[in-house]
Amino acid sequence: MHPDYARIYATIQRIPRGRVATYGQIAELAGLPGRARQIGYALHALPDGSPVPWQRVLNARGEISLPGASGARQRALLLAEGVEFGDGGRIDLAEYQWRPRAPRRR
C-alpha cells in the first residue's frame, strides 16, 4: 500500500453519514494539498468490502466522477444516507459538504 493511503482512508472515515467531501478537501485534510488526484487513486485501490465510506467523496462541482454502474452505486448509497441530488445530478455542497471543526488549542 502507498504510504499516504492510510492517512487518506483515516480522513475519509471521519466524514459523517449524510455528508460529502471533495477530493481536494480530503487531500488538504490529509496533509496532501494539491494532490486531489491521489485521493482518487487511493479510493480505486480500496479492496471490496472496505469500511471506508468512499461514496462520500465527490468532485469539486458536487458530482459523482465514477462512470456507469459504479457511479449508480455511489448515487444509491448517498441517497440512502439522505443526500439529495439537484438538477444535473449535482449535490449542493453548501448544504451537504462536511465541515470538520478545527482542533482545540490548549
C-alpha atoms as a PDB file:
ATOM      1  CA  MET A   1       0.000   0.000   0.000  1.00  0.00           C
ATOM      2  CA  HIS A   2       1.160   3.525  -0.779  1.00  0.00           C
ATOM      3  CA  PRO A   3       2.375   5.212   2.435  1.00  0.00           C
ATOM      4  CA  ASP A   4      -0.134   8.099   2.164  1.00  0.00           C
ATOM      5  CA  TYR A   5      -3.177   5.860   1.712  1.00  0.00           C
ATOM      6  CA  ALA A   6      -3.627   5.166   5.438  1.00  0.00           C
ATOM      7  CA  ARG A   7      -3.889   8.923   6.111  1.00  0.00           C
ATOM      8  CA  ILE A   8      -6.304   9.339   3.219  1.00  0.00           C
ATOM      9  CA  TYR A   9      -8.523   6.487   4.407  1.00  0.00           C
ATOM     10  CA  ALA A  10      -8.485   7.757   8.010  1.00  0.00           C
ATOM     11  CA  THR A  11      -9.589  11.193   6.808  1.00  0.00           C
ATOM     12  CA  ILE A  12     -12.416   9.782   4.677  1.00  0.00           C
ATOM     13  CA  GLN A  13     -13.631   7.689   7.617  1.00  0.00           C
ATOM     14  CA  ARG A  14     -14.247  10.928   9.532  1.00  0.00           C
ATOM     15  CA  ILE A  15     -16.883  12.107   7.038  1.00  0.00           C
ATOM     16  CA  PRO A  16     -20.240  11.726   8.818  1.00  0.00           C
ATOM     17  CA  ARG A  17     -23.173   9.863   7.317  1.00  0.00           C
ATOM     18  CA  GLY A  18     -25.240  12.208   5.161  1.00  0.00           C
ATOM     19  CA  ARG A  19     -22.283  14.494   4.396  1.00  0.00           C
ATOM     20  CA  VAL A  20     -19.837  14.613   1.498  1.00  0.00           C
ATOM     21  CA  ALA A  21     -16.351  15.949   0.832  1.00  0.00           C
ATOM     22  CA  THR A  22     -14.417  16.741  -2.318  1.00  0.00           C
ATOM     23  CA  TYR A  23     -11.238  15.054  -3.479  1.00  0.00           C
ATOM     24  CA  GLY A  24      -9.361  18.317  -2.940  1.00  0.00           C
ATOM     25  CA  GLN A  25     -10.793  18.767   0.543  1.00  0.00           C
ATOM     26  CA  ILE A  26      -9.672  15.274   1.553  1.00  0.00           C
ATOM     27  CA  ALA A  27      -6.206  15.972   0.151  1.00  0.00           C
ATOM     28  CA  GLU A  28      -5.940  19.152   2.256  1.00  0.00           C
ATOM     29  CA  LEU A  29      -7.209  17.487   5.429  1.00  0.00           C
ATOM     30  CA  ALA A  30      -4.873  14.508   4.947  1.00  0.00           C
ATOM     31  CA  GLY A  31      -1.885  16.846   4.660  1.00  0.00           C
ATOM     32  CA  LEU A  32      -1.530  16.373   0.906  1.00  0.00           C
ATOM     33  CA  PRO A  33      -2.523  19.769  -0.515  1.00  0.00           C
ATOM     34  CA  GLY A  34      -2.835  19.933  -4.282  1.00  0.00           C
ATOM     35  CA  ARG A  35      -2.960  16.140  -4.632  1.00  0.00           C
ATOM     36  CA  ALA A  36      -6.677  15.571  -5.224  1.00  0.00           C
ATOM     37  CA  ARG A  37      -5.901  13.063  -7.946  1.00  0.00           C
ATOM     38  CA  GLN A  38      -4.057  10.902  -5.426  1.00  0.00           C
ATOM     39  CA  ILE A  39      -7.291  10.649  -3.427  1.00  0.00           C
ATOM     40  CA  GLY A  40      -8.927   9.081  -6.468  1.00  0.00           C
ATOM     41  CA  TYR A  41      -6.067   6.611  -6.828  1.00  0.00           C
ATOM     42  CA  ALA A  42      -6.367   5.659  -3.153  1.00  0.00           C
ATOM     43  CA  LEU A  43     -10.109   5.099  -3.475  1.00  0.00           C
ATOM     44  CA  HIS A  44      -9.605   2.997  -6.583  1.00  0.00           C
ATOM     45  CA  ALA A  45      -7.177   0.817  -4.587  1.00  0.00           C
ATOM     46  CA  LEU A  46      -9.705   0.078  -1.816  1.00  0.00           C
ATOM     47  CA  PRO A  47     -10.470  -3.628  -1.512  1.00  0.00           C
ATOM     48  CA  ASP A  48     -14.078  -4.782  -1.850  1.00  0.00           C
ATOM     49  CA  GLY A  49     -15.890  -4.683   1.465  1.00  0.00           C
ATOM     50  CA  SER A  50     -13.691  -1.958   2.946  1.00  0.00           C
ATOM     51  CA  PRO A  51     -15.294   0.070   5.770  1.00  0.00           C
ATOM     52  CA  VAL A  52     -14.036   3.327   4.211  1.00  0.00           C
ATOM     53  CA  PRO A  53     -17.122   5.314   3.085  1.00  0.00           C
ATOM     54  CA  TRP A  54     -15.755   6.011  -0.414  1.00  0.00           C
ATOM     55  CA  GLN A  55     -19.198   7.064  -1.663  1.00  0.00           C
ATOM     56  CA  ARG A  56     -18.956  10.312   0.303  1.00  0.00           C
ATOM     57  CA  VAL A  57     -16.151  11.715  -1.864  1.00  0.00           C
ATOM     58  CA  LEU A  58     -17.147  13.821  -4.894  1.00  0.00           C
ATOM     59  CA  ASN A  59     -15.546  16.128  -7.395  1.00  0.00           C
ATOM     60  CA  ALA A  60     -15.307  19.889  -6.787  1.00  0.00           C
ATOM     61  CA  ARG A  61     -18.619  20.508  -8.599  1.00  0.00           C
ATOM     62  CA  GLY A  62     -20.507  18.198  -6.248  1.00  0.00           C
ATOM     63  CA  GLU A  63     -20.799  15.485  -8.875  1.00  0.00           C
ATOM     64  CA  ILE A  64     -20.057  11.780  -8.928  1.00  0.00           C
ATOM     65  CA  SER A  65     -16.986  11.143 -11.055  1.00  0.00           C
ATOM     66  CA  LEU A  66     -17.415   7.392 -11.458  1.00  0.00           C
ATOM     67  CA  PRO A  67     -18.955   6.151 -14.706  1.00  0.00           C
ATOM     68  CA  GLY A  68     -21.639   3.528 -15.236  1.00  0.00           C
ATOM     69  CA  ALA A  69     -22.620   1.016 -12.578  1.00  0.00           C
ATOM     70  CA  SER A  70     -20.051   2.303 -10.072  1.00  0.00           C
ATOM     71  CA  GLY A  71     -21.484   5.807 -10.273  1.00  0.00           C
ATOM     72  CA  ALA A  72     -25.029   4.455  -9.963  1.00  0.00           C
ATOM     73  CA  ARG A  73     -23.990   2.524  -6.845  1.00  0.00           C
ATOM     74  CA  GLN A  74     -22.390   5.629  -5.347  1.00  0.00           C
ATOM     75  CA  ARG A  75     -25.569   7.614  -6.026  1.00  0.00           C
ATOM     76  CA  ALA A  76     -27.757   4.915  -4.431  1.00  0.00           C
ATOM     77  CA  LEU A  77     -25.550   4.792  -1.322  1.00  0.00           C
ATOM     78  CA  LEU A  78     -25.680   8.573  -0.934  1.00  0.00           C
ATOM     79  CA  LEU A  79     -29.445   8.670  -1.433  1.00  0.00           C
ATOM     80  CA  ALA A  80     -29.776   6.010   1.284  1.00  0.00           C
ATOM     81  CA  GLU A  81     -27.867   8.360   3.613  1.00  0.00           C
ATOM     82  CA  GLY A  82     -30.310  11.193   2.894  1.00  0.00           C
ATOM     83  CA  VAL A  83     -28.106  13.138   0.495  1.00  0.00           C
ATOM     84  CA  GLU A  84     -30.211  14.753  -2.219  1.00  0.00           C
ATOM     85  CA  PHE A  85     -29.210  15.366  -5.823  1.00  0.00           C
ATOM     86  CA  GLY A  86     -30.263  18.501  -7.647  1.00  0.00           C
ATOM     87  CA  ASP A  87     -30.539  19.340 -11.301  1.00  0.00           C
ATOM     88  CA  GLY A  88     -27.873  17.732 -13.440  1.00  0.00           C
ATOM     89  CA  GLY A  89     -27.045  15.197 -10.747  1.00  0.00           C
ATOM     90  CA  ARG A  90     -25.176  17.654  -8.553  1.00  0.00           C
ATOM     91  CA  ILE A  91     -25.158  17.690  -4.775  1.00  0.00           C
ATOM     92  CA  ASP A  92     -25.446  21.116  -3.163  1.00  0.00           C
ATOM     93  CA  LEU A  93     -22.087  21.410  -1.409  1.00  0.00           C
ATOM     94  CA  ALA A  94     -23.312  24.421   0.580  1.00  0.00           C
ATOM     95  CA  GLU A  95     -25.824  22.096   2.231  1.00  0.00           C
ATOM     96  CA  TYR A  96     -24.117  18.685   2.333  1.00  0.00           C
ATOM     97  CA  GLN A  97     -20.371  19.338   2.437  1.00  0.00           C
ATOM     98  CA  TRP A  98     -18.645  18.173   5.617  1.00  0.00           C
ATOM     99  CA  ARG A  99     -17.013  20.971   7.525  1.00  0.00           C
ATOM    100  CA  PRO A 100     -14.854  19.499  10.287  1.00  0.00           C
ATOM    101  CA  ARG A 101     -14.255  21.520  13.387  1.00  0.00           C
ATOM    102  CA  ALA A 102     -10.820  22.978  13.882  1.00  0.00           C
ATOM    103  CA  PRO A 103      -8.797  21.194  16.562  1.00  0.00           C
ATOM    104  CA  ARG A 104      -8.933  22.743  20.019  1.00  0.00           C
ATOM    105  CA  ARG A 105      -5.942  24.760  21.079  1.00  0.00           C
ATOM    106  CA  ARG A 106      -4.575  24.170  24.539  1.00  0.00           C
END
